[in-house]
Amino acid sequence: MRTRVILVRHGQSTYNLKGLIQGQIDRSELTELGIAQAQRVGEALKGIPFDHIYASSLKRAFQTAETLTAVLHTADPSLPTPEPMDILKEIDLPSWEGLSFQETADQYPEQYHAWFHDPLNFVFTLEDGSPFFPIRDLYDRAARFWQTILPQHSGHTLLVVAHSAINRALIATALGLGAERHEALHQANCAISVMNFSGGLGEAVQLESMNLTSHMGDALPPFRSRHRGPRLLLVRHGETEWNRQGRFQGQIDIPLNENGKAQGEKAADFLKDVHLDAAATSPLSRPKETAEIILRHHPGVALEDVADLKEIGHGEWEGLYESEIEAGYPGLLTQWQSAPETVQMPGEGGENLEQVWDRSVAAWQSIVAKYSGGDVPKTVLVTAHDAVNKAILCHIVGLGPESFWKFKQGNGAVSVIDYPNGVDSAPVLTAANITIHLSGTIFDKTAAGAL
């Protein structure tokens, strides 16, 4: 049975407002804006039948949990109240807590650099002379949280309210990422993320969406400080008739159906106020038409065809239903669903995921390089396909083809990837699989059929 976890970061705090490092210090409380943000989260989560609510015991997170739960209770008074947990506290930063980021950078330049660029080896020396590794400790706590909670809640829906760093560690450990990838994920104040677990930690998991902010009035999360490189908006094409029927498309050029065009229009409206500097697309008609619909709000932005962004070549599977594939290739579809990295698609034009990874990541990197540089960050629209988008998202966070199914991609969904210092800097997955503009809820109700 699937366990669904809704993860929320606390609202703006007094220390956030002042630009101070919080860590585990418990003097920081929600601002008026932070309270309003928490109330908006409550509105966005109304109607979800939570079985349990967990929250960090620190004031700013627990106040967020209490505030949003009060909103939930206006619709369903039977929902649980938040349970405080010390294990969900924010990262422990001895001697830094209460300092401004600039003061910390000036006083501890080597440590400060390691915090962002070598998180695995970021270390403090404690008063007794022993070393303390804050990010390693954080990831150990995140893993222990999952190991404790998941066995207790098989098939349940959980709400977890905590902090930026611990939330990133929770998502990372669920995906199988280590502390060295800590800066690859982003969490904004009162952002919502959704994860689906098939069992315990280490078993199959899906990141349905991450860092949703549109319930607070921001279609996309704002740029982080120090950002100078490009932002890429990765969009999956709208629905096709073969998607709806559950037929494998691959590289057969199936156009959008009417629902797919409507999804494109909704994505266009969602992104109409986002400044775009450039756009690239798979040359197949379904992503190209999706991009053209979006670009109607952005006259003057040219659309570039990129051949290597084509969907995976399914070979002899293309045009078939799952039942036909199982009949013709017994066991191979199950293998594709459980160990996709081991499957070679049969027949002429059939690919394996390593080939998809190689060409799609190379195409992606060329787009990033093309729009790196300059004083003002450029925003680039990229429209492609389910398999290609999953390959790119896995690449962003450091996962390989064996992790193919860990990311969900809805038809018309938007993901946001930032390169803080351009092509030579580590990318940040700022938001993943935003579909609220399509479904009106935080859940992805758009994905249909086969690839």
Protein backbone atom coordinates (compact mmCIF):
# COMPACT_ATOMS: atom_id res chain seq x y z
CA MET A 1 0.00 0.00 0.00
CA ARG A 2 1.27 3.48 -0.86
CA THR A 3 2.18 5.90 1.90
CA ARG A 4 1.81 9.51 0.82
CA VAL A 5 3.85 12.22 2.58
CA ILE A 6 3.15 15.94 2.20
CA LEU A 7 6.22 17.93 3.25
CA VAL A 8 6.02 21.64 4.16
CA ARG A 9 8.69 24.13 5.15
CA HIS A 10 7.84 26.67 7.84
CA GLY A 11 6.70 30.20 6.98
CA GLN A 12 8.88 33.29 7.01
CA SER A 13 10.48 33.73 10.44
CA THR A 14 11.93 36.74 12.23
CA TYR A 15 15.44 35.40 11.53
CA ASN A 16 14.59 34.83 7.85
CA LEU A 17 13.50 38.46 7.66
CA LYS A 18 16.73 39.69 9.28
CA GLY A 19 18.98 37.41 7.22
CA LEU A 20 20.25 35.52 10.27
CA ILE A 21 21.32 31.89 10.51
CA GLN A 22 18.78 29.94 12.56
CA GLY A 23 19.86 26.33 12.85
CA GLN A 24 18.51 24.89 16.07
CA ILE A 25 18.28 28.21 17.91
CA ASP A 26 14.70 28.58 19.14
CA ARG A 27 14.31 32.33 19.42
CA SER A 28 12.97 32.75 15.89
CA GLU A 29 9.19 32.95 15.42
CA LEU A 30 6.87 33.48 12.48
CA THR A 31 6.41 36.99 11.13
CA GLU A 32 2.97 38.25 10.12
CA LEU A 33 3.82 37.20 6.58
CA GLY A 34 4.88 33.78 7.85
CA ILE A 35 1.54 33.31 9.59
CA ALA A 36 -0.30 34.33 6.42
CA GLN A 37 1.83 31.87 4.42
CA ALA A 38 0.96 29.06 6.82
CA GLN A 39 -2.74 29.89 6.48
CA ARG A 40 -2.43 29.69 2.69
CA VAL A 41 -0.84 26.27 3.01
CA GLY A 42 -3.80 25.21 5.11
CA GLU A 43 -6.17 26.35 2.37
CA ALA A 44 -4.13 24.46 -0.25
CA LEU A 45 -4.26 21.26 1.83
CA LYS A 46 -7.96 21.38 2.70
CA GLY A 47 -9.77 18.16 1.93
CA ILE A 48 -6.74 15.89 2.31
CA PRO A 49 -7.51 13.14 4.87
CA PHE A 50 -4.32 13.26 6.93
CA ASP A 51 -3.81 10.31 9.25
CA HIS A 52 -1.01 11.97 11.23
CA ILE A 53 0.79 15.31 11.40
CA TYR A 54 4.43 15.54 12.47
CA ALA A 55 6.32 18.79 13.04
CA SER A 56 9.70 19.97 14.19
CA SER A 57 9.60 20.97 17.84
CA LEU A 58 11.25 24.33 17.07
CA LYS A 59 8.81 27.25 17.40
CA ARG A 60 8.84 28.53 13.84
CA ALA A 61 7.97 25.11 12.40
CA PHE A 62 5.54 24.04 15.10
CA GLN A 63 3.72 27.38 14.89
CA THR A 64 3.42 26.83 11.14
CA ALA A 65 1.96 23.37 11.76
CA GLU A 66 -0.53 24.69 14.33
CA THR A 67 -1.57 27.57 12.09
CA LEU A 68 -2.21 25.49 8.99
CA THR A 69 -3.89 22.75 11.05
CA ALA A 70 -6.32 25.33 12.44
CA VAL A 71 -7.33 26.06 8.84
CA LEU A 72 -7.69 22.34 8.09
CA HIS A 73 -9.91 21.92 11.14
CA THR A 74 -12.41 24.45 9.76
CA ALA A 75 -13.20 21.85 7.08
CA ASP A 76 -12.61 18.67 9.12
CA PRO A 77 -12.36 18.97 12.91
CA SER A 78 -11.57 15.25 13.18
CA LEU A 79 -8.10 15.65 11.65
CA PRO A 80 -5.18 15.08 14.04
CA THR A 81 -3.20 17.82 15.77
CA PRO A 82 0.56 18.19 15.19
CA GLU A 83 2.98 15.98 17.09
CA PRO A 84 6.33 17.71 17.89
CA MET A 85 9.50 15.75 17.09
CA ASP A 86 13.05 16.73 17.98
CA ILE A 87 14.42 14.58 15.17
CA LEU A 88 12.87 17.07 12.70
CA LYS A 89 14.81 20.04 14.06
CA GLU A 90 16.82 22.13 11.61
CA ILE A 91 20.51 21.57 10.93
CA ASP A 92 22.73 22.10 13.98
CA LEU A 93 25.23 24.92 13.36
CA PRO A 94 27.21 25.47 16.58
CA SER A 95 28.61 29.00 17.09
CA TRP A 96 26.98 30.29 13.89
CA GLU A 97 23.38 30.50 15.05
CA GLY A 98 22.23 34.10 15.35
CA LEU A 99 24.95 35.47 13.05
CA SER A 100 24.15 37.01 9.71
CA PHE A 101 25.17 35.12 6.60
CA GLN A 102 27.64 37.89 5.75
CA GLU A 103 29.19 37.84 9.24
CA THR A 104 29.60 34.09 8.99
CA ALA A 105 31.20 34.30 5.55
CA ASP A 106 33.62 36.97 6.80
CA GLN A 107 34.56 35.23 10.07
CA TYR A 108 34.64 31.62 8.85
CA PRO A 109 35.43 31.80 5.11
CA GLU A 110 36.72 28.23 4.65
CA GLN A 111 33.90 26.62 6.62
CA TYR A 112 31.32 28.81 4.93
CA HIS A 113 32.58 27.79 1.51
CA ALA A 114 32.50 24.12 2.50
CA TRP A 115 28.91 24.47 3.72
CA PHE A 116 27.74 25.16 0.16
CA HIS A 117 30.42 23.48 -1.96
CA ASP A 118 31.55 20.44 0.05
CA PRO A 119 28.64 19.66 2.40
CA LEU A 120 29.78 16.10 3.09
CA ASN A 121 33.00 17.37 4.68
CA PHE A 122 31.62 20.54 6.26
CA VAL A 123 32.88 20.29 9.85
CA PHE A 124 32.97 22.10 13.20
CA THR A 125 35.44 21.45 16.01
CA LEU A 126 33.50 21.23 19.26
CA GLU A 127 34.70 22.51 22.64
CA ASP A 128 35.98 19.07 23.59
CA GLY A 129 38.06 18.98 20.39
CA SER A 130 35.90 16.41 18.61
CA PRO A 131 34.75 16.94 15.01
CA PHE A 132 31.06 17.48 14.22
CA PHE A 133 29.75 17.16 10.66
CA PRO A 134 26.41 19.05 10.49
CA ILE A 135 25.22 17.76 7.10
CA ARG A 136 26.12 14.15 7.90
CA ASP A 137 24.26 14.48 11.19
CA LEU A 138 21.29 15.97 9.34
CA TYR A 139 21.12 13.10 6.86
CA ASP A 140 21.46 10.54 9.63
CA ARG A 141 18.46 12.11 11.40
CA ALA A 142 16.46 12.22 8.16
CA ALA A 143 17.09 8.53 7.50
CA ARG A 144 16.18 7.61 11.08
CA PHE A 145 12.94 9.59 10.76
CA TRP A 146 11.89 7.56 7.71
CA GLN A 147 13.02 4.30 9.31
CA THR A 148 10.90 5.08 12.36
CA ILE A 149 7.81 6.55 10.72
CA LEU A 150 7.22 4.62 7.51
CA PRO A 151 6.70 1.18 9.12
CA GLN A 152 4.03 2.73 11.37
CA HIS A 153 2.02 4.31 8.55
CA SER A 154 1.65 1.89 5.66
CA GLY A 155 -1.09 3.20 3.38
CA HIS A 156 -1.49 6.43 5.36
CA THR A 157 -1.33 10.09 4.32
CA LEU A 158 1.09 12.10 6.47
CA LEU A 159 1.84 15.79 6.85
CA VAL A 160 5.39 16.74 7.91
CA VAL A 161 6.24 20.37 8.75
CA ALA A 162 9.89 21.24 9.27
CA HIS A 163 12.75 23.38 7.89
CA SER A 164 14.75 24.02 4.72
CA ALA A 165 17.79 21.84 5.36
CA ILE A 166 16.03 18.93 7.08
CA ASN A 167 13.33 18.91 4.38
CA ARG A 168 16.01 18.68 1.71
CA ALA A 169 17.64 15.85 3.65
CA LEU A 170 14.30 14.05 3.95
CA ILE A 171 13.72 14.27 0.19
CA ALA A 172 17.32 13.34 -0.59
CA THR A 173 17.46 10.29 1.67
CA ALA A 174 14.11 9.10 0.31
CA LEU A 175 15.54 9.33 -3.23
CA GLY A 176 18.77 7.60 -2.22
CA LEU A 177 20.98 10.70 -2.34
CA GLY A 178 23.81 11.34 0.09
CA ALA A 179 24.93 14.44 1.96
CA GLU A 180 27.23 15.44 -0.90
CA ARG A 181 24.13 16.31 -2.98
CA HIS A 182 22.58 18.53 -0.30
CA GLU A 183 22.72 21.75 -2.34
CA ALA A 184 21.00 20.12 -5.34
CA LEU A 185 17.53 20.66 -3.84
CA HIS A 186 15.65 23.79 -2.79
CA GLN A 187 12.90 24.50 -0.25
CA ALA A 188 11.15 27.89 -0.07
CA ASN A 189 9.17 29.17 2.91
CA CYS A 190 5.84 27.30 3.13
CA ALA A 191 6.55 25.37 -0.08
CA ILE A 192 4.81 22.01 -0.49
CA SER A 193 6.37 18.75 -1.69
CA VAL A 194 4.67 15.39 -2.26
CA MET A 195 6.30 11.96 -1.97
CA ASN A 196 4.83 8.48 -2.48
CA PHE A 197 6.45 5.50 -0.73
CA SER A 198 5.79 1.88 -1.70
CA GLY A 199 7.22 0.63 1.60
CA GLY A 200 10.11 1.50 3.86
CA LEU A 201 13.22 3.58 3.23
CA GLY A 202 15.19 2.06 0.36
CA GLU A 203 12.14 0.62 -1.38
CA ALA A 204 10.51 2.20 -4.43
CA VAL A 205 9.65 5.88 -3.97
CA GLN A 206 8.31 8.61 -6.23
CA LEU A 207 8.80 12.36 -5.91
CA GLU A 208 5.41 13.45 -7.22
CA SER A 209 6.17 17.16 -6.90
CA MET A 210 8.61 19.41 -5.06
CA ASN A 211 8.73 22.97 -3.78
CA LEU A 212 5.29 24.11 -4.93
CA THR A 213 4.78 27.83 -4.21
CA SER A 214 1.87 28.95 -6.39
CA HIS A 215 -0.58 28.69 -3.45
CA MET A 216 1.30 31.71 -2.04
CA GLY A 217 0.93 33.78 -5.20
CA ASP A 218 4.33 32.94 -6.70
CA ALA A 219 3.98 30.77 -9.81
CA LEU A 220 7.63 29.78 -9.49
CA PRO A 221 9.99 29.92 -6.51
CA PRO A 222 12.05 33.13 -6.54
CA PHE A 223 15.73 33.09 -7.45
CA ARG A 224 18.00 32.35 -4.53
CA SER A 225 20.56 34.92 -3.44
CA ARG A 226 23.85 35.01 -5.33
CA HIS A 227 22.15 33.69 -8.48
CA ARG A 228 23.82 34.71 -11.76
CA GLY A 229 23.37 31.75 -14.12
CA PRO A 230 20.42 30.60 -16.25
CA ARG A 231 17.08 29.24 -15.07
CA LEU A 232 15.57 26.50 -17.23
CA LEU A 233 11.85 25.69 -17.19
CA LEU A 234 11.45 22.05 -18.18
CA VAL A 235 7.94 21.29 -19.45
CA ARG A 236 6.42 17.99 -20.51
CA HIS A 237 4.13 18.13 -23.55
CA GLY A 238 0.36 18.05 -23.21
CA GLU A 239 -1.70 14.92 -23.59
CA THR A 240 -2.01 13.04 -26.87
CA GLU A 241 -4.70 10.58 -27.91
CA TRP A 242 -2.16 7.78 -27.54
CA ASN A 243 -1.39 8.96 -24.00
CA ARG A 244 -5.09 8.74 -23.23
CA GLN A 245 -5.39 5.29 -24.81
CA GLY A 246 -2.26 3.97 -23.08
CA ARG A 247 -0.37 3.27 -26.31
CA PHE A 248 3.42 3.58 -26.40
CA GLN A 249 4.41 6.51 -28.65
CA GLY A 250 8.15 6.80 -28.43
CA GLN A 251 9.34 8.63 -31.51
CA ILE A 252 6.14 8.23 -33.55
CA ASP A 253 4.97 11.79 -34.13
CA ILE A 254 1.58 11.87 -32.42
CA PRO A 255 0.09 15.39 -32.04
CA LEU A 256 -1.70 16.87 -29.04
CA ASN A 257 -5.35 15.98 -28.58
CA GLU A 258 -7.90 18.60 -27.49
CA ASN A 259 -7.16 18.01 -23.82
CA GLY A 260 -3.44 18.33 -24.55
CA LYS A 261 -4.02 21.66 -26.26
CA ALA A 262 -6.06 22.81 -23.26
CA GLN A 263 -3.20 21.75 -20.97
CA GLY A 264 -0.82 23.76 -23.13
CA GLU A 265 -3.10 26.79 -22.77
CA LYS A 266 -3.14 26.37 -18.99
CA ALA A 267 0.65 26.08 -18.90
CA ALA A 268 0.84 29.19 -21.09
CA ASP A 269 -1.39 31.14 -18.72
CA PHE A 270 0.64 29.90 -15.74
CA LEU A 271 3.88 31.14 -17.31
CA LYS A 272 2.61 34.25 -19.08
CA ASP A 273 4.10 36.67 -16.52
CA VAL A 274 7.45 34.86 -16.38
CA HIS A 275 10.04 36.59 -18.54
CA LEU A 276 11.50 34.20 -21.11
CA ASP A 277 14.72 34.86 -22.99
CA ALA A 278 14.81 31.75 -25.18
CA ALA A 279 13.08 28.45 -25.89
CA ALA A 280 14.10 24.98 -27.11
CA THR A 281 12.04 21.91 -27.91
CA SER A 282 12.08 18.36 -29.10
CA PRO A 283 11.18 18.50 -32.80
CA LEU A 284 8.27 16.08 -32.36
CA SER A 285 4.92 17.80 -32.76
CA ARG A 286 3.51 17.22 -29.27
CA PRO A 287 6.23 19.15 -27.34
CA LYS A 288 6.72 21.62 -30.17
CA GLU A 289 3.03 22.54 -30.22
CA THR A 290 3.06 22.82 -26.41
CA ALA A 291 5.96 25.27 -26.65
CA GLU A 292 4.29 27.26 -29.42
CA ILE A 293 1.14 27.66 -27.30
CA ILE A 294 3.21 28.89 -24.33
CA LEU A 295 5.18 31.30 -26.52
CA ARG A 296 2.05 33.09 -27.74
CA HIS A 297 2.44 35.16 -24.56
CA HIS A 298 6.12 35.79 -25.35
CA PRO A 299 6.36 37.32 -28.83
CA GLY A 300 9.88 37.66 -30.10
CA VAL A 301 11.18 34.51 -28.38
CA ALA A 302 12.40 32.12 -31.06
CA LEU A 303 11.89 28.37 -30.69
CA GLU A 304 14.88 26.12 -31.41
CA ASP A 305 14.48 22.46 -32.40
CA VAL A 306 16.89 20.15 -30.56
CA ALA A 307 16.90 16.66 -32.11
CA ASP A 308 18.42 14.92 -29.10
CA LEU A 309 15.44 15.91 -26.93
CA LYS A 310 13.24 13.40 -28.80
CA GLU A 311 11.40 10.81 -26.72
CA ILE A 312 12.97 7.41 -26.07
CA GLY A 313 12.87 5.14 -29.11
CA HIS A 314 10.60 2.26 -28.08
CA GLY A 315 11.35 0.31 -31.26
CA GLU A 316 8.84 -2.47 -31.82
CA TRP A 317 6.77 -1.35 -28.82
CA GLU A 318 5.69 1.86 -30.52
CA GLY A 319 1.96 1.91 -31.23
CA LEU A 320 1.27 -1.02 -28.88
CA TYR A 321 -0.81 -1.30 -25.72
CA GLU A 322 0.68 -2.84 -22.58
CA SER A 323 -1.35 -6.04 -23.11
CA GLU A 324 0.10 -6.40 -26.62
CA ILE A 325 3.64 -5.83 -25.33
CA GLU A 326 3.19 -8.47 -22.64
CA ALA A 327 1.84 -10.93 -25.19
CA GLY A 328 4.67 -10.31 -27.66
CA TYR A 329 7.53 -9.84 -25.18
CA PRO A 330 6.62 -11.81 -22.03
CA GLY A 331 8.17 -10.38 -18.87
CA LEU A 332 9.91 -7.46 -20.56
CA LEU A 333 7.29 -4.88 -19.58
CA THR A 334 7.55 -5.95 -15.92
CA GLN A 335 11.32 -5.65 -16.23
CA TRP A 336 10.89 -2.14 -17.68
CA GLN A 337 8.70 -1.20 -14.72
CA SER A 338 11.01 -2.65 -12.06
CA ALA A 339 14.55 -2.40 -13.49
CA PRO A 340 14.32 0.02 -16.43
CA GLU A 341 18.08 0.46 -16.72
CA THR A 342 18.38 -3.21 -17.81
CA VAL A 343 15.96 -3.02 -20.74
CA GLN A 344 16.97 -2.67 -24.39
CA MET A 345 13.91 -1.68 -26.39
CA PRO A 346 13.50 -4.30 -29.13
CA GLY A 347 13.79 -3.80 -32.86
CA GLU A 348 14.98 -1.03 -35.16
CA GLY A 349 15.20 2.33 -33.42
CA GLY A 350 14.88 0.80 -29.98
CA GLU A 351 17.00 2.48 -27.29
CA ASN A 352 18.07 1.76 -23.75
CA LEU A 353 18.08 4.34 -20.98
CA GLU A 354 21.82 4.83 -21.09
CA GLN A 355 21.46 6.05 -24.68
CA VAL A 356 18.58 8.35 -23.68
CA TRP A 357 20.69 9.68 -20.78
CA ASP A 358 23.71 10.35 -22.99
CA ARG A 359 21.91 12.29 -25.72
CA SER A 360 19.37 14.17 -23.58
CA VAL A 361 21.92 15.25 -20.97
CA ALA A 362 24.33 16.37 -23.71
CA ALA A 363 21.55 18.40 -25.34
CA TRP A 364 20.60 19.87 -21.98
CA GLN A 365 24.17 20.85 -21.17
CA SER A 366 24.54 22.56 -24.54
CA ILE A 367 21.44 24.67 -23.80
CA VAL A 368 22.79 25.58 -20.35
CA ALA A 369 26.16 26.56 -21.83
CA LYS A 370 24.53 28.64 -24.56
CA TYR A 371 22.66 30.79 -22.04
CA SER A 372 25.31 31.04 -19.32
CA GLY A 373 27.28 34.23 -18.90
CA GLY A 374 26.20 37.85 -18.73
CA ASP A 375 25.17 40.01 -15.82
CA VAL A 376 21.46 39.12 -15.80
CA PRO A 377 20.22 35.51 -15.39
CA LYS A 378 18.43 34.21 -18.48
CA THR A 379 15.27 32.10 -18.33
CA VAL A 380 14.89 29.40 -20.96
CA LEU A 381 11.82 27.28 -21.77
CA VAL A 382 12.58 23.64 -22.69
CA THR A 383 9.74 21.35 -23.80
CA ALA A 384 10.25 17.63 -24.15
CA HIS A 385 8.91 14.22 -23.11
CA ASP A 386 8.36 11.97 -20.10
CA ALA A 387 11.47 9.80 -20.44
CA VAL A 388 13.74 12.66 -21.53
CA ASN A 389 12.54 14.90 -18.71
CA LYS A 390 13.04 12.14 -16.15
CA ALA A 391 16.57 11.58 -17.43
CA ILE A 392 17.34 15.30 -17.09
CA LEU A 393 15.85 15.52 -13.58
CA CYS A 394 17.80 12.48 -12.44
CA HIS A 395 20.96 13.99 -13.92
CA ILE A 396 20.35 17.27 -12.08
CA VAL A 397 20.41 15.58 -8.67
CA GLY A 398 23.05 12.95 -9.48
CA LEU A 399 20.93 9.85 -10.09
CA GLY A 400 21.30 7.34 -12.91
CA PRO A 401 18.92 5.29 -15.10
CA GLU A 402 18.15 2.89 -12.25
CA SER A 403 16.27 5.80 -10.62
CA PHE A 404 14.14 6.51 -13.71
CA TRP A 405 10.78 6.01 -11.97
CA LYS A 406 11.59 8.20 -8.94
CA PHE A 407 10.38 11.37 -10.70
CA LYS A 408 6.83 11.93 -11.88
CA GLN A 409 6.14 13.99 -14.99
CA GLY A 410 2.59 15.05 -15.71
CA ASN A 411 1.37 16.23 -19.11
CA GLY A 412 1.86 20.01 -19.10
CA ALA A 413 3.91 19.93 -15.88
CA VAL A 414 6.62 22.52 -15.20
CA SER A 415 9.93 21.90 -13.41
CA VAL A 416 12.49 24.58 -12.53
CA ILE A 417 16.26 24.07 -12.65
CA ASP A 418 18.72 26.80 -11.69
CA TYR A 419 22.45 27.09 -12.38
CA PRO A 420 23.64 29.63 -9.76
CA ASN A 421 26.88 30.43 -11.59
CA GLY A 422 26.27 29.08 -15.06
CA VAL A 423 27.19 25.85 -16.79
CA ASP A 424 30.24 25.19 -14.61
CA SER A 425 28.25 25.33 -11.35
CA ALA A 426 26.28 22.52 -9.75
CA PRO A 427 22.61 22.70 -10.77
CA VAL A 428 19.76 23.12 -8.28
CA LEU A 429 16.39 21.43 -8.66
CA THR A 430 14.29 24.39 -7.55
CA ALA A 431 10.85 22.88 -8.26
CA ALA A 432 9.64 19.63 -9.79
CA ASN A 433 6.44 18.63 -11.58
CA ILE A 434 4.27 21.67 -10.90
CA THR A 435 0.76 20.75 -12.08
CA ILE A 436 -1.48 22.89 -9.88
CA HIS A 437 -2.29 25.06 -12.91
CA LEU A 438 -3.76 21.97 -14.56
CA SER A 439 -5.57 20.19 -11.74
CA GLY A 440 -6.23 22.94 -9.20
CA THR A 441 -4.72 20.73 -6.48
CA ILE A 442 -1.23 19.95 -5.23
CA PHE A 443 -1.58 16.42 -6.66
CA ASP A 444 -0.67 15.48 -10.22
CA LYS A 445 -3.90 14.28 -11.81
CA THR A 446 -2.71 14.82 -15.37
CA ALA A 447 -0.35 11.97 -16.26
CA ALA A 448 -2.03 9.62 -18.71
CA GLY A 449 -0.99 6.43 -20.42
CA ALA A 450 2.34 5.31 -21.79
CA LEU A 451 5.43 7.30 -22.82
